[in-house]
């Protein structure tokens, strides 16, 4: 039983340590790329990573590229900029349905994204908030429009450093208790399955262990008898 628990714990620790994280994205081929708000690894299929307050749209979010974010949560949006372009402002844009958008410019490598506060700062607040909550095509984009392609990327006509986040939808804070309740139900179901599996494993393991013990004892006795027979002298 202790061996089974140790094996399970080791497996969980290894899977946690090996989990994919957008902060590990390889940006070597891109002068500007997100280090958060990318929910899953779409290239190698190495898994998904959801920050606190983000909920997947499906039970197995391995291939899910949009999630639900809570309206009143603070989320960190981070990115990596090519070293030669760090002094050039990055334009962060929240693109909502029907052309609604919010934007800010910064020379930092991250911003705090609070949907509720941003919506309150926008004109036509009521409509922007409504559209953000009914449409799952919300995205964030980052770019450096001050870097003209002619001066900085002459070999790529019309190019400007740019990246786009995965999609998301905004949910009211009141929905969180329902989501947490569902998560709790899921944990209870998993715990029941785990206990059942351990019980079955122990039930099957005991007779197998007894049989192996008996077999080992038989071989030992047989070997001992044969040895005594070979060492004995005739009278």
Protein backbone atom coordinates (compact mmCIF):
# COMPACT_ATOMS: atom_id res chain seq x y z
CA UNK A 1 0.00 0.00 0.00
CA UNK A 2 2.84 2.38 0.92
CA UNK A 3 4.59 1.54 -2.34
CA UNK A 4 1.43 2.32 -4.31
CA UNK A 5 1.03 5.69 -2.55
CA UNK A 6 4.70 6.56 -3.08
CA UNK A 7 4.48 5.67 -6.77
CA UNK A 8 1.33 7.77 -7.20
CA UNK A 9 2.89 10.74 -5.38
CA UNK A 10 6.04 10.54 -7.50
CA UNK A 11 3.99 10.41 -10.69
CA UNK A 12 1.99 13.49 -9.69
CA UNK A 13 5.15 15.41 -8.79
CA UNK A 14 6.82 14.50 -12.08
CA UNK A 15 3.77 15.45 -14.12
CA UNK A 16 3.55 18.78 -12.29
CA UNK A 17 7.21 19.53 -12.83
CA UNK A 18 6.96 18.66 -16.51
CA UNK A 19 3.80 20.71 -17.13
CA UNK A 20 3.96 23.21 -19.99
CA UNK A 21 3.94 26.91 -19.15
CA UNK A 22 3.68 29.82 -21.64
CA UNK A 23 6.58 31.54 -19.87
CA UNK A 24 8.72 28.79 -21.43
CA UNK A 25 7.74 29.68 -25.01
CA UNK A 26 10.62 29.84 -27.45
CA UNK A 27 10.66 33.40 -28.77
CA UNK A 28 14.00 33.15 -30.53
CA UNK A 29 12.35 33.51 -33.95
CA UNK A 30 10.02 36.35 -32.95
CA UNK A 31 10.96 39.90 -31.93
CA UNK A 32 7.78 40.11 -29.82
CA UNK A 33 5.80 37.26 -28.27
CA UNK A 34 3.41 36.57 -25.41
CA UNK A 35 4.68 34.87 -22.27
CA UNK A 36 1.17 34.51 -20.84
CA UNK A 37 -2.43 34.34 -22.13
CA UNK A 38 -1.46 31.38 -24.32
CA UNK A 39 -3.51 28.62 -22.73
CA UNK A 40 -2.11 25.54 -24.47
CA UNK A 41 0.97 24.49 -26.39
CA UNK A 42 -0.39 24.40 -29.92
CA UNK A 43 2.84 23.26 -31.56
CA UNK A 44 4.12 20.30 -29.56
CA UNK A 45 0.97 19.39 -27.64
CA UNK A 46 2.87 19.44 -24.35
CA UNK A 47 -0.15 20.50 -22.32
CA UNK A 48 -1.96 23.57 -21.02
CA UNK A 49 -1.52 26.13 -18.30
CA UNK A 50 -4.34 28.21 -16.83
CA UNK A 51 -3.67 30.99 -14.31
CA UNK A 52 -5.77 31.38 -11.19
CA UNK A 53 -9.25 32.56 -12.11
CA UNK A 54 -9.22 31.00 -15.60
CA UNK A 55 -11.63 28.16 -16.43
CA UNK A 56 -11.43 25.87 -19.48
CA UNK A 57 -14.40 25.37 -21.78
CA UNK A 58 -14.05 21.57 -21.80
CA UNK A 59 -13.35 18.91 -19.17
CA UNK A 60 -10.11 17.90 -20.88
CA UNK A 61 -8.57 21.21 -21.97
CA UNK A 62 -5.63 19.69 -23.84
CA UNK A 63 -6.69 21.29 -27.11
CA UNK A 64 -8.79 24.12 -25.70
CA UNK A 65 -7.72 27.54 -26.90
CA UNK A 66 -10.33 29.66 -25.16
CA UNK A 67 -11.23 30.00 -21.50
CA UNK A 68 -13.51 31.96 -19.20
CA UNK A 69 -11.93 34.80 -17.21
CA UNK A 70 -13.60 36.48 -14.25
CA UNK A 71 -14.57 40.11 -14.62
CA UNK A 72 -13.09 41.35 -11.33
CA UNK A 73 -9.79 39.43 -11.33
CA UNK A 74 -6.31 40.83 -11.91
CA UNK A 75 -4.45 38.86 -14.59
CA UNK A 76 -0.83 39.41 -15.54
CA UNK A 77 -0.24 39.83 -19.26
CA UNK A 78 3.46 39.43 -20.05
CA UNK A 79 5.60 39.25 -23.17
CA UNK A 80 9.18 39.18 -24.40
CA UNK A 81 10.69 41.90 -26.57
CA UNK A 82 13.78 41.63 -28.73
CA UNK A 83 16.68 43.26 -26.87
CA UNK A 84 17.24 45.86 -29.61
CA UNK A 85 13.59 46.98 -29.43
CA UNK A 86 13.10 47.30 -25.65
CA UNK A 87 13.00 51.10 -25.69
CA UNK A 88 10.17 51.10 -28.23
CA UNK A 89 6.67 51.12 -26.65
CA UNK A 90 4.53 48.01 -26.91
CA UNK A 91 0.89 48.59 -27.80
CA UNK A 92 -1.46 46.24 -25.93
CA UNK A 93 -4.95 45.96 -27.41
CA UNK A 94 -8.01 44.15 -26.07
CA UNK A 95 -10.15 43.40 -29.10
CA UNK A 96 -13.82 42.85 -28.29
CA UNK A 97 -16.63 41.92 -30.68
CA UNK A 98 -17.99 44.40 -33.24
CA UNK A 99 -14.94 46.62 -33.25
CA UNK A 100 -14.93 47.50 -29.55
CA UNK A 101 -11.37 47.81 -28.26
CA UNK A 102 -9.19 49.06 -25.47
CA UNK A 103 -5.50 49.83 -25.80
CA UNK A 104 -2.52 51.03 -23.82
CA UNK A 105 1.16 51.65 -24.56
CA UNK A 106 4.06 50.75 -22.32
CA UNK A 107 7.79 50.08 -22.36
CA UNK A 108 7.39 47.53 -19.57
CA UNK A 109 7.24 43.77 -20.23
CA UNK A 110 3.84 43.26 -18.60
CA UNK A 111 0.54 44.89 -17.65
CA UNK A 112 -2.24 44.04 -15.23
CA UNK A 113 -5.44 43.05 -17.03
CA UNK A 114 -8.59 43.65 -14.97
CA UNK A 115 -11.61 43.35 -17.31
CA UNK A 116 -14.04 45.20 -15.04
CA UNK A 117 -11.79 48.23 -14.49
CA UNK A 118 -10.93 48.41 -18.17
CA UNK A 119 -14.57 48.25 -19.25
CA UNK A 120 -15.45 51.00 -16.77
CA UNK A 121 -12.78 53.22 -18.32
CA UNK A 122 -14.18 52.78 -21.83
CA UNK A 123 -16.91 54.74 -23.54
CA UNK A 124 -20.15 52.84 -24.05
CA UNK A 125 -19.23 50.77 -20.99
CA UNK A 126 -22.48 48.83 -20.86
CA UNK A 127 -22.25 47.61 -24.46
CA UNK A 128 -18.54 46.73 -24.25
CA UNK A 129 -19.10 44.65 -21.12
CA UNK A 130 -22.10 42.90 -22.63
CA UNK A 131 -20.20 42.01 -25.80
CA UNK A 132 -17.21 40.74 -23.81
CA UNK A 133 -19.50 38.40 -21.87
CA UNK A 134 -21.44 36.90 -24.78
CA UNK A 135 -18.61 36.42 -27.24
CA UNK A 136 -15.69 34.00 -26.86
CA UNK A 137 -13.58 35.71 -29.52
CA UNK A 138 -11.98 38.21 -27.12
CA UNK A 139 -8.23 38.39 -27.71
CA UNK A 140 -5.29 40.51 -26.66
CA UNK A 141 -2.71 41.64 -29.20
CA UNK A 142 0.71 43.18 -28.74
CA UNK A 143 2.62 45.11 -31.36
CA UNK A 144 5.23 47.81 -31.85
CA UNK A 145 3.76 50.02 -34.59
CA UNK A 146 6.55 52.58 -34.12
CA UNK A 147 8.97 50.10 -35.65
CA UNK A 148 8.41 50.63 -39.34
CA UNK A 149 9.29 47.66 -41.50
CA UNK A 150 11.30 49.83 -43.90
CA UNK A 151 13.74 50.96 -41.21
CA UNK A 152 13.95 47.88 -39.00
CA UNK A 153 12.86 44.94 -41.17
CA UNK A 154 13.69 45.91 -44.75
CA UNK A 155 13.58 42.30 -45.94
CA UNK A 156 9.95 41.83 -44.81
CA UNK A 157 7.65 44.42 -46.46
CA UNK A 158 4.86 45.63 -44.19
CA UNK A 159 6.13 43.73 -41.16
CA UNK A 160 5.64 45.01 -37.59
CA UNK A 161 6.45 42.96 -34.46
CA UNK A 162 3.13 41.43 -33.42
CA UNK A 163 1.57 38.57 -31.46
CA UNK A 164 -1.95 37.48 -30.51
CA UNK A 165 -3.21 35.75 -27.38
CA UNK A 166 -5.55 32.79 -27.23
CA UNK A 167 -9.28 33.54 -27.00
CA UNK A 168 -11.33 34.13 -23.89
CA UNK A 169 -14.78 35.14 -22.67
CA UNK A 170 -15.56 37.27 -19.62
CA UNK A 171 -17.73 35.93 -16.80
CA UNK A 172 -19.51 37.69 -13.94
CA UNK A 173 -17.96 37.23 -10.46
CA UNK A 174 -21.18 35.55 -9.31
CA UNK A 175 -20.48 32.59 -11.59
CA UNK A 176 -17.34 31.68 -9.63
CA UNK A 177 -19.20 29.82 -6.86
CA UNK A 178 -20.89 27.61 -9.45
CA UNK A 179 -17.57 26.87 -11.11
CA UNK A 180 -15.92 26.10 -7.77
CA UNK A 181 -18.82 23.83 -6.81
CA UNK A 182 -18.45 21.90 -10.06
CA UNK A 183 -14.71 21.62 -9.50
CA UNK A 184 -15.38 20.26 -6.00
CA UNK A 185 -17.76 17.66 -7.39
CA UNK A 186 -15.12 16.62 -9.90
CA UNK A 187 -12.51 16.22 -7.13
CA UNK A 188 -14.92 14.07 -5.10
CA UNK A 189 -15.54 11.82 -8.11
CA UNK A 190 -11.80 11.46 -8.73
CA UNK A 191 -11.20 10.64 -5.06
CA UNK A 192 -13.86 7.92 -5.17
CA UNK A 193 -12.32 6.43 -8.32
CA UNK A 194 -8.85 6.56 -6.78
CA UNK A 195 -9.99 4.83 -3.58
CA UNK A 196 -11.82 2.21 -5.64
CA UNK A 197 -8.70 1.62 -7.74
CA UNK A 198 -6.49 1.26 -4.66
CA UNK A 199 -9.00 -1.14 -3.12
CA UNK A 200 -9.10 -3.28 -6.24
CA UNK A 201 -5.31 -3.15 -6.48
CA UNK A 202 -4.91 -4.35 -2.90
CA UNK A 203 -7.57 -7.01 -3.38
CA UNK A 204 -5.81 -8.38 -6.44
CA UNK A 205 -2.35 -7.88 -5.00
CA UNK A 206 -2.80 -9.96 -1.83
CA UNK A 207 -3.49 -13.34 -3.51
CA UNK A 208 -0.79 -12.65 -6.11
CA UNK A 209 1.70 -11.81 -3.37
CA UNK A 210 0.71 -14.98 -1.45
CA UNK A 211 1.17 -17.10 -4.59
CA UNK A 212 4.58 -15.58 -5.32
CA UNK A 213 5.63 -16.08 -1.69
CA UNK A 214 4.53 -19.71 -1.78
CA UNK A 215 6.34 -20.26 -5.08
CA UNK A 216 9.51 -18.69 -3.73
CA UNK A 217 9.34 -20.80 -0.60
CA UNK A 218 8.90 -23.97 -2.67
CA UNK A 219 11.96 -23.17 -4.78
CA UNK A 220 14.03 -22.44 -1.66
CA UNK A 221 13.02 -25.70 0.02
CA UNK A 222 13.67 -27.69 -3.16
CA UNK A 223 17.09 -26.12 -3.58
CA UNK A 224 17.98 -26.76 0.06
CA UNK A 225 16.93 -30.43 -0.16
CA UNK A 226 18.89 -30.93 -3.37
CA UNK A 227 21.97 -29.39 -1.78
CA UNK A 228 21.78 -31.62 1.28
CA UNK A 229 21.36 -34.64 -0.99
CA UNK A 230 24.46 -33.82 -2.99
CA UNK A 231 26.57 -33.27 0.14
CA UNK A 232 25.53 -36.48 1.94
CA UNK A 233 27.73 -39.57 1.86
CA UNK A 234 26.43 -43.13 1.46
CA UNK A 235 26.52 -45.30 4.62
